[in-house]
Amino acid sequence: MINLNSKIPIMTYLNKLTDNDIPMPITHICKPERLCKDMTGLELHEFGLALFMPFLEVQNGKLKALNMNPENGAPHVLVENPQKLLLYIWVKTDLAPNIPVFVPNDIYDVIAKISREYKARLCFASITISYASKDGNLIPKFGGEYYAVLNEFEEIRTNKFARSIGACDGVFGLISLSVYSTHLR
């Protein structure tokens, strides 16, 4: 079990696993006319969010709202955890070798304001997607096969003097990766 109070990143596959705990590629589902076309940055973020939601569901998180406004950068979701605590999660996705990181900026200020309006804890989730084939290129394609890794899932702590990312302070209590992995089989 991983305790989200620690500052150690989660780094767990979001893919289903074989009986030998080997991740199976995820095929991006799309309309036939979009097959093999380039994804935009927002579409990559949407794909990452779609892969992150089952992780929250296994932890008994309940989706309350979804914000996909492209002016706010990456998508963010309002989720209620099992302890009835509201979490406003900024979900950033990038293609490997890039790993999304929390950076305080103007978009962060907008997202922090929204989280305060919901009276929710502001959190950050980092997802990296990589091609399953060795000949993948640097632009994600619709219909491709991918591996996805949740790099970190932490609470963003704020005060009027500084912004920093800190441990999740038990956002979902203890997360059992073995329970999550069993769910993926």
Foldseek 3Di string as FASTA:
>chain_A
DDFLQDPAFPWDWLAAADPVRHGDWDWFDDDPVQFFPFDDQLRQLVVQVVSCVVVQVLLVKDWDDKDSPVVLPHIWTWIQGPVRAIEIEREHEAEPPDKDDDDDDPSNVVSVVVCVVVVHFYKYWIKYKYFPDPPDDRTDGHRGIIIMITGHIFTWDDDPPDTGTHGNNPSSGDDDVVSVNVVSD
